[in-house]
Amino acid sequence: MNKFAIAAATALTLTMANAAFAQQSTQAPMTLAAGEVTKTKEAASDTWITTKVKADLMTEKGVPGGDIKVETNKGVVSLSSDTAVTAAQKEAAIAIAKKIKGVQAVSADGLKAE
């Protein structure tokens, strides 16, 4: 093989490798960033839902909002308590949580009924 053929083959190989590397390095961070943004949005949304449900429970008369623990995961709100609540208080807490924008479902299995 002559020197020109070797140089041409090397240049072509390096060009192709560089293009493949450039394509990989520009797409991978974008994909990663998109995934991180989605996770951040979910976390922020869940935090907002939890805060809003807790605030609404605290301001509702007849509902022991201070005794009810609120957790949210991907829009699913879980209500629980260490102290017993009445059936009416449990239903009111569920109704309050369901009214909040972004709530996908409400689980009140953790609320102890009297």
N, C-alpha and C. Protein backbone atom coordinates (compact mmCIF):
# COMPACT_ATOMS: atom_id res chain seq x y z
N MET A 1 0.85 -1.17 0.00
CA MET A 1 0.00 0.00 0.00
C MET A 1 0.90 1.24 0.00
N ASN A 2 0.58 2.19 -0.83
CA ASN A 2 1.45 3.37 -0.89
C ASN A 2 1.11 4.36 0.21
N LYS A 3 1.96 5.32 0.40
CA LYS A 3 1.79 6.30 1.47
C LYS A 3 0.50 7.10 1.32
N PHE A 4 0.11 7.39 0.08
CA PHE A 4 -1.12 8.16 -0.14
C PHE A 4 -2.35 7.36 0.29
N ALA A 5 -2.39 6.09 -0.01
CA ALA A 5 -3.52 5.24 0.36
C ALA A 5 -3.62 5.11 1.87
N ILE A 6 -2.49 4.95 2.52
CA ILE A 6 -2.47 4.86 3.99
C ILE A 6 -2.97 6.17 4.61
N ALA A 7 -2.49 7.29 4.09
CA ALA A 7 -2.90 8.60 4.62
C ALA A 7 -4.38 8.83 4.39
N ALA A 8 -4.88 8.44 3.21
CA ALA A 8 -6.30 8.63 2.89
C ALA A 8 -7.17 7.74 3.79
N ALA A 9 -6.76 6.49 3.98
CA ALA A 9 -7.51 5.57 4.82
C ALA A 9 -7.53 6.07 6.27
N THR A 10 -6.40 6.56 6.74
CA THR A 10 -6.31 7.09 8.10
C THR A 10 -7.19 8.32 8.27
N ALA A 11 -7.15 9.22 7.30
CA ALA A 11 -7.97 10.44 7.36
C ALA A 11 -9.45 10.09 7.34
N LEU A 12 -9.84 9.14 6.48
CA LEU A 12 -11.24 8.73 6.41
C LEU A 12 -11.68 8.08 7.71
N THR A 13 -10.86 7.23 8.27
CA THR A 13 -11.17 6.57 9.54
C THR A 13 -11.33 7.59 10.65
N LEU A 14 -10.40 8.54 10.73
CA LEU A 14 -10.47 9.56 11.76
C LEU A 14 -11.69 10.46 11.58
N THR A 15 -12.03 10.78 10.35
CA THR A 15 -13.20 11.62 10.09
C THR A 15 -14.48 10.90 10.52
N MET A 16 -14.58 9.62 10.16
CA MET A 16 -15.76 8.85 10.53
C MET A 16 -15.85 8.68 12.06
N ALA A 17 -14.73 8.41 12.69
CA ALA A 17 -14.71 8.25 14.14
C ALA A 17 -15.07 9.56 14.82
N ASN A 18 -14.55 10.66 14.30
CA ASN A 18 -14.84 11.97 14.87
C ASN A 18 -16.33 12.30 14.73
N ALA A 19 -16.91 11.99 13.56
CA ALA A 19 -18.34 12.25 13.35
C ALA A 19 -19.19 11.40 14.28
N ALA A 20 -18.82 10.14 14.45
CA ALA A 20 -19.57 9.26 15.35
C ALA A 20 -19.46 9.74 16.79
N PHE A 21 -18.25 10.14 17.16
CA PHE A 21 -18.06 10.64 18.52
C PHE A 21 -18.84 11.93 18.75
N ALA A 22 -18.78 12.82 17.78
CA ALA A 22 -19.49 14.11 17.91
C ALA A 22 -20.98 13.88 18.02
N GLN A 23 -21.51 12.96 17.23
CA GLN A 23 -22.94 12.69 17.29
C GLN A 23 -23.31 12.09 18.65
N GLN A 24 -22.49 11.19 19.14
CA GLN A 24 -22.75 10.57 20.43
C GLN A 24 -22.67 11.59 21.56
N SER A 25 -21.68 12.42 21.56
CA SER A 25 -21.47 13.34 22.67
C SER A 25 -22.50 14.47 22.69
N THR A 26 -23.10 14.80 21.53
CA THR A 26 -24.10 15.87 21.55
C THR A 26 -25.48 15.34 21.90
N GLN A 27 -25.76 14.08 21.60
CA GLN A 27 -27.08 13.54 21.88
C GLN A 27 -27.21 13.01 23.30
N ALA A 28 -26.19 12.36 23.79
CA ALA A 28 -26.27 11.75 25.12
C ALA A 28 -26.58 12.77 26.22
N PRO A 29 -25.88 13.93 26.27
CA PRO A 29 -26.21 14.89 27.32
C PRO A 29 -27.64 15.43 27.20
N MET A 30 -28.14 15.58 25.97
CA MET A 30 -29.50 16.08 25.79
C MET A 30 -30.51 15.08 26.32
N THR A 31 -30.28 13.79 26.03
CA THR A 31 -31.17 12.75 26.53
C THR A 31 -31.13 12.71 28.05
N LEU A 32 -29.94 12.77 28.59
CA LEU A 32 -29.78 12.77 30.04
C LEU A 32 -30.47 13.98 30.65
N ALA A 33 -30.27 15.13 30.07
CA ALA A 33 -30.88 16.36 30.59
C ALA A 33 -32.39 16.28 30.53
N ALA A 34 -32.95 15.73 29.47
CA ALA A 34 -34.40 15.61 29.35
C ALA A 34 -34.95 14.72 30.46
N GLY A 35 -34.25 13.63 30.75
CA GLY A 35 -34.68 12.73 31.83
C GLY A 35 -34.62 13.42 33.18
N GLU A 36 -33.58 14.19 33.42
CA GLU A 36 -33.43 14.89 34.68
C GLU A 36 -34.51 15.97 34.83
N VAL A 37 -34.83 16.66 33.74
CA VAL A 37 -35.87 17.69 33.78
C VAL A 37 -37.21 17.06 34.12
N THR A 38 -37.50 15.90 33.53
CA THR A 38 -38.75 15.20 33.82
C THR A 38 -38.82 14.82 35.30
N LYS A 39 -37.73 14.28 35.84
CA LYS A 39 -37.70 13.91 37.25
C LYS A 39 -37.89 15.14 38.13
N THR A 40 -37.26 16.24 37.77
CA THR A 40 -37.37 17.46 38.55
C THR A 40 -38.80 17.99 38.51
N LYS A 41 -39.44 17.95 37.35
CA LYS A 41 -40.82 18.41 37.24
C LYS A 41 -41.75 17.55 38.09
N GLU A 42 -41.54 16.21 38.06
CA GLU A 42 -42.37 15.32 38.88
C GLU A 42 -42.18 15.62 40.36
N ALA A 43 -40.93 15.80 40.77
CA ALA A 43 -40.65 16.07 42.18
C ALA A 43 -41.27 17.40 42.61
N ALA A 44 -41.14 18.41 41.76
CA ALA A 44 -41.71 19.71 42.08
C ALA A 44 -43.22 19.62 42.12
N SER A 45 -43.80 18.90 41.19
CA SER A 45 -45.25 18.75 41.16
C SER A 45 -45.74 18.00 42.39
N ASP A 46 -45.06 16.92 42.75
CA ASP A 46 -45.43 16.16 43.94
C ASP A 46 -45.31 17.00 45.21
N THR A 47 -44.26 17.80 45.29
CA THR A 47 -44.07 18.68 46.45
C THR A 47 -45.19 19.71 46.52
N TRP A 48 -45.53 20.28 45.37
CA TRP A 48 -46.61 21.27 45.33
C TRP A 48 -47.93 20.63 45.75
N ILE A 49 -48.23 19.44 45.24
CA ILE A 49 -49.47 18.75 45.60
C ILE A 49 -49.51 18.49 47.09
N THR A 50 -48.43 17.96 47.64
CA THR A 50 -48.38 17.66 49.08
C THR A 50 -48.63 18.92 49.90
N THR A 51 -47.97 20.00 49.54
CA THR A 51 -48.13 21.27 50.26
C THR A 51 -49.56 21.79 50.17
N LYS A 52 -50.14 21.72 48.99
CA LYS A 52 -51.50 22.23 48.77
C LYS A 52 -52.52 21.38 49.54
N VAL A 53 -52.38 20.06 49.48
CA VAL A 53 -53.31 19.19 50.22
C VAL A 53 -53.20 19.46 51.72
N LYS A 54 -51.97 19.54 52.22
CA LYS A 54 -51.77 19.78 53.66
C LYS A 54 -52.37 21.12 54.07
N ALA A 55 -52.15 22.16 53.27
CA ALA A 55 -52.70 23.48 53.58
C ALA A 55 -54.23 23.46 53.59
N ASP A 56 -54.82 22.79 52.60
CA ASP A 56 -56.28 22.72 52.54
C ASP A 56 -56.85 21.90 53.70
N LEU A 57 -56.15 20.86 54.11
CA LEU A 57 -56.60 20.06 55.26
C LEU A 57 -56.54 20.90 56.55
N MET A 58 -55.50 21.72 56.66
CA MET A 58 -55.33 22.53 57.87
C MET A 58 -56.41 23.60 57.98
N THR A 59 -56.90 24.09 56.85
CA THR A 59 -57.88 25.18 56.90
C THR A 59 -59.33 24.69 56.88
N GLU A 60 -59.52 23.41 56.69
CA GLU A 60 -60.88 22.86 56.65
C GLU A 60 -61.39 22.61 58.07
N LYS A 61 -62.52 23.23 58.40
CA LYS A 61 -63.11 23.02 59.72
C LYS A 61 -63.63 21.59 59.84
N GLY A 62 -63.40 21.01 60.99
CA GLY A 62 -63.88 19.66 61.25
C GLY A 62 -62.94 18.56 60.80
N VAL A 63 -61.83 18.93 60.17
CA VAL A 63 -60.83 17.94 59.74
C VAL A 63 -59.55 18.19 60.52
N PRO A 64 -59.04 17.15 61.20
CA PRO A 64 -57.81 17.33 61.98
C PRO A 64 -56.58 17.34 61.08
N GLY A 65 -56.41 18.42 60.32
CA GLY A 65 -55.32 18.52 59.36
C GLY A 65 -53.94 18.35 59.96
N GLY A 66 -53.77 18.79 61.19
CA GLY A 66 -52.48 18.64 61.86
C GLY A 66 -52.13 17.20 62.18
N ASP A 67 -53.13 16.34 62.25
CA ASP A 67 -52.91 14.93 62.57
C ASP A 67 -52.77 14.04 61.34
N ILE A 68 -53.03 14.60 60.17
CA ILE A 68 -53.00 13.81 58.94
C ILE A 68 -51.69 14.04 58.20
N LYS A 69 -50.99 12.94 57.92
CA LYS A 69 -49.74 12.99 57.18
C LYS A 69 -50.06 12.84 55.69
N VAL A 70 -49.43 13.67 54.86
CA VAL A 70 -49.67 13.66 53.42
C VAL A 70 -48.37 13.36 52.69
N GLU A 71 -48.41 12.39 51.80
CA GLU A 71 -47.27 12.06 50.95
C GLU A 71 -47.77 11.93 49.52
N THR A 72 -46.96 12.37 48.56
CA THR A 72 -47.34 12.29 47.15
C THR A 72 -46.22 11.67 46.35
N ASN A 73 -46.57 10.73 45.49
CA ASN A 73 -45.60 10.09 44.61
C ASN A 73 -46.23 9.94 43.23
N LYS A 74 -45.69 10.69 42.26
CA LYS A 74 -46.17 10.69 40.88
C LYS A 74 -47.67 11.00 40.81
N GLY A 75 -48.11 11.94 41.63
CA GLY A 75 -49.49 12.39 41.60
C GLY A 75 -50.44 11.59 42.46
N VAL A 76 -49.97 10.53 43.08
CA VAL A 76 -50.81 9.70 43.95
C VAL A 76 -50.60 10.16 45.39
N VAL A 77 -51.68 10.64 46.01
CA VAL A 77 -51.62 11.17 47.37
C VAL A 77 -51.97 10.06 48.36
N SER A 78 -51.13 9.91 49.38
CA SER A 78 -51.38 8.95 50.45
C SER A 78 -51.63 9.72 51.74
N LEU A 79 -52.75 9.44 52.37
CA LEU A 79 -53.12 10.08 53.64
C LEU A 79 -52.99 9.05 54.75
N SER A 80 -52.39 9.45 55.86
CA SER A 80 -52.26 8.56 57.00
C SER A 80 -52.29 9.37 58.29
N SER A 81 -52.52 8.67 59.40
CA SER A 81 -52.53 9.34 60.70
C SER A 81 -52.21 8.34 61.79
N ASP A 82 -51.69 8.87 62.89
CA ASP A 82 -51.44 8.05 64.07
C ASP A 82 -52.64 8.06 65.00
N THR A 83 -53.45 9.12 64.88
CA THR A 83 -54.65 9.23 65.71
C THR A 83 -55.87 8.86 64.87
N ALA A 84 -56.89 8.38 65.51
CA ALA A 84 -58.10 7.96 64.81
C ALA A 84 -58.90 9.17 64.33
N VAL A 85 -59.50 9.02 63.16
CA VAL A 85 -60.39 10.04 62.61
C VAL A 85 -61.76 9.39 62.38
N THR A 86 -62.78 10.21 62.35
CA THR A 86 -64.12 9.68 62.08
C THR A 86 -64.25 9.37 60.59
N ALA A 87 -65.29 8.63 60.26
CA ALA A 87 -65.54 8.29 58.85
C ALA A 87 -65.81 9.57 58.05
N ALA A 88 -66.51 10.52 58.66
CA ALA A 88 -66.81 11.79 57.98
C ALA A 88 -65.53 12.59 57.73
N GLN A 89 -64.63 12.61 58.72
CA GLN A 89 -63.35 13.31 58.55
C GLN A 89 -62.50 12.65 57.47
N LYS A 90 -62.53 11.34 57.43
CA LYS A 90 -61.77 10.60 56.41
C LYS A 90 -62.30 10.94 55.02
N GLU A 91 -63.62 10.92 54.86
CA GLU A 91 -64.23 11.23 53.57
C GLU A 91 -63.94 12.68 53.15
N ALA A 92 -63.97 13.59 54.12
CA ALA A 92 -63.68 15.00 53.83
C ALA A 92 -62.23 15.16 53.39
N ALA A 93 -61.31 14.47 54.04
CA ALA A 93 -59.89 14.55 53.69
C ALA A 93 -59.67 14.00 52.27
N ILE A 94 -60.32 12.93 51.94
CA ILE A 94 -60.20 12.35 50.60
C ILE A 94 -60.74 13.32 49.55
N ALA A 95 -61.90 13.91 49.84
CA ALA A 95 -62.51 14.86 48.90
C ALA A 95 -61.62 16.08 48.69
N ILE A 96 -61.01 16.57 49.76
CA ILE A 96 -60.12 17.73 49.67
C ILE A 96 -58.92 17.39 48.77
N ALA A 97 -58.32 16.23 48.99
CA ALA A 97 -57.15 15.83 48.20
C ALA A 97 -57.51 15.64 46.73
N LYS A 98 -58.67 15.08 46.45
CA LYS A 98 -59.07 14.82 45.07
C LYS A 98 -59.31 16.11 44.28
N LYS A 99 -59.63 17.20 44.96
CA LYS A 99 -59.89 18.47 44.28
C LYS A 99 -58.63 19.18 43.79
N ILE A 100 -57.49 18.78 44.29
CA ILE A 100 -56.23 19.46 43.96
C ILE A 100 -55.78 19.10 42.55
N LYS A 101 -55.40 20.12 41.79
CA LYS A 101 -54.92 19.93 40.43
C LYS A 101 -53.67 19.05 40.43
N GLY A 102 -53.64 18.07 39.57
CA GLY A 102 -52.48 17.20 39.44
C GLY A 102 -52.59 15.90 40.21
N VAL A 103 -53.60 15.78 41.08
CA VAL A 103 -53.79 14.55 41.85
C VAL A 103 -54.35 13.48 40.93
N GLN A 104 -53.67 12.35 40.85
CA GLN A 104 -54.10 11.23 40.01
C GLN A 104 -55.01 10.28 40.78
N ALA A 105 -54.70 10.07 42.05
CA ALA A 105 -55.47 9.16 42.90
C ALA A 105 -55.19 9.49 44.35
N VAL A 106 -56.08 9.03 45.22
CA VAL A 106 -55.91 9.26 46.66
C VAL A 106 -56.05 7.92 47.40
N SER A 107 -55.10 7.65 48.25
CA SER A 107 -55.13 6.44 49.08
C SER A 107 -55.24 6.90 50.53
N ALA A 108 -56.30 6.46 51.18
CA ALA A 108 -56.50 6.83 52.59
C ALA A 108 -56.46 5.60 53.49
N ASP A 109 -55.80 4.54 53.01
CA ASP A 109 -55.71 3.32 53.79
C ASP A 109 -54.99 3.52 55.12
N GLY A 110 -54.13 4.53 55.18
CA GLY A 110 -53.37 4.81 56.39
C GLY A 110 -54.11 5.64 57.42
N LEU A 111 -55.31 6.10 57.09
CA LEU A 111 -56.09 6.87 58.07
C LEU A 111 -56.82 5.89 58.99
N LYS A 112 -56.54 5.99 60.27
CA LYS A 112 -57.20 5.12 61.25
C LYS A 112 -58.60 5.64 61.52
N ALA A 113 -59.58 4.80 61.34
CA ALA A 113 -60.97 5.19 61.59
C ALA A 113 -61.38 4.81 63.00
N GLU A 114 -62.27 5.64 63.58
CA GLU A 114 -62.75 5.36 64.94
C GLU A 114 -63.74 4.22 64.93
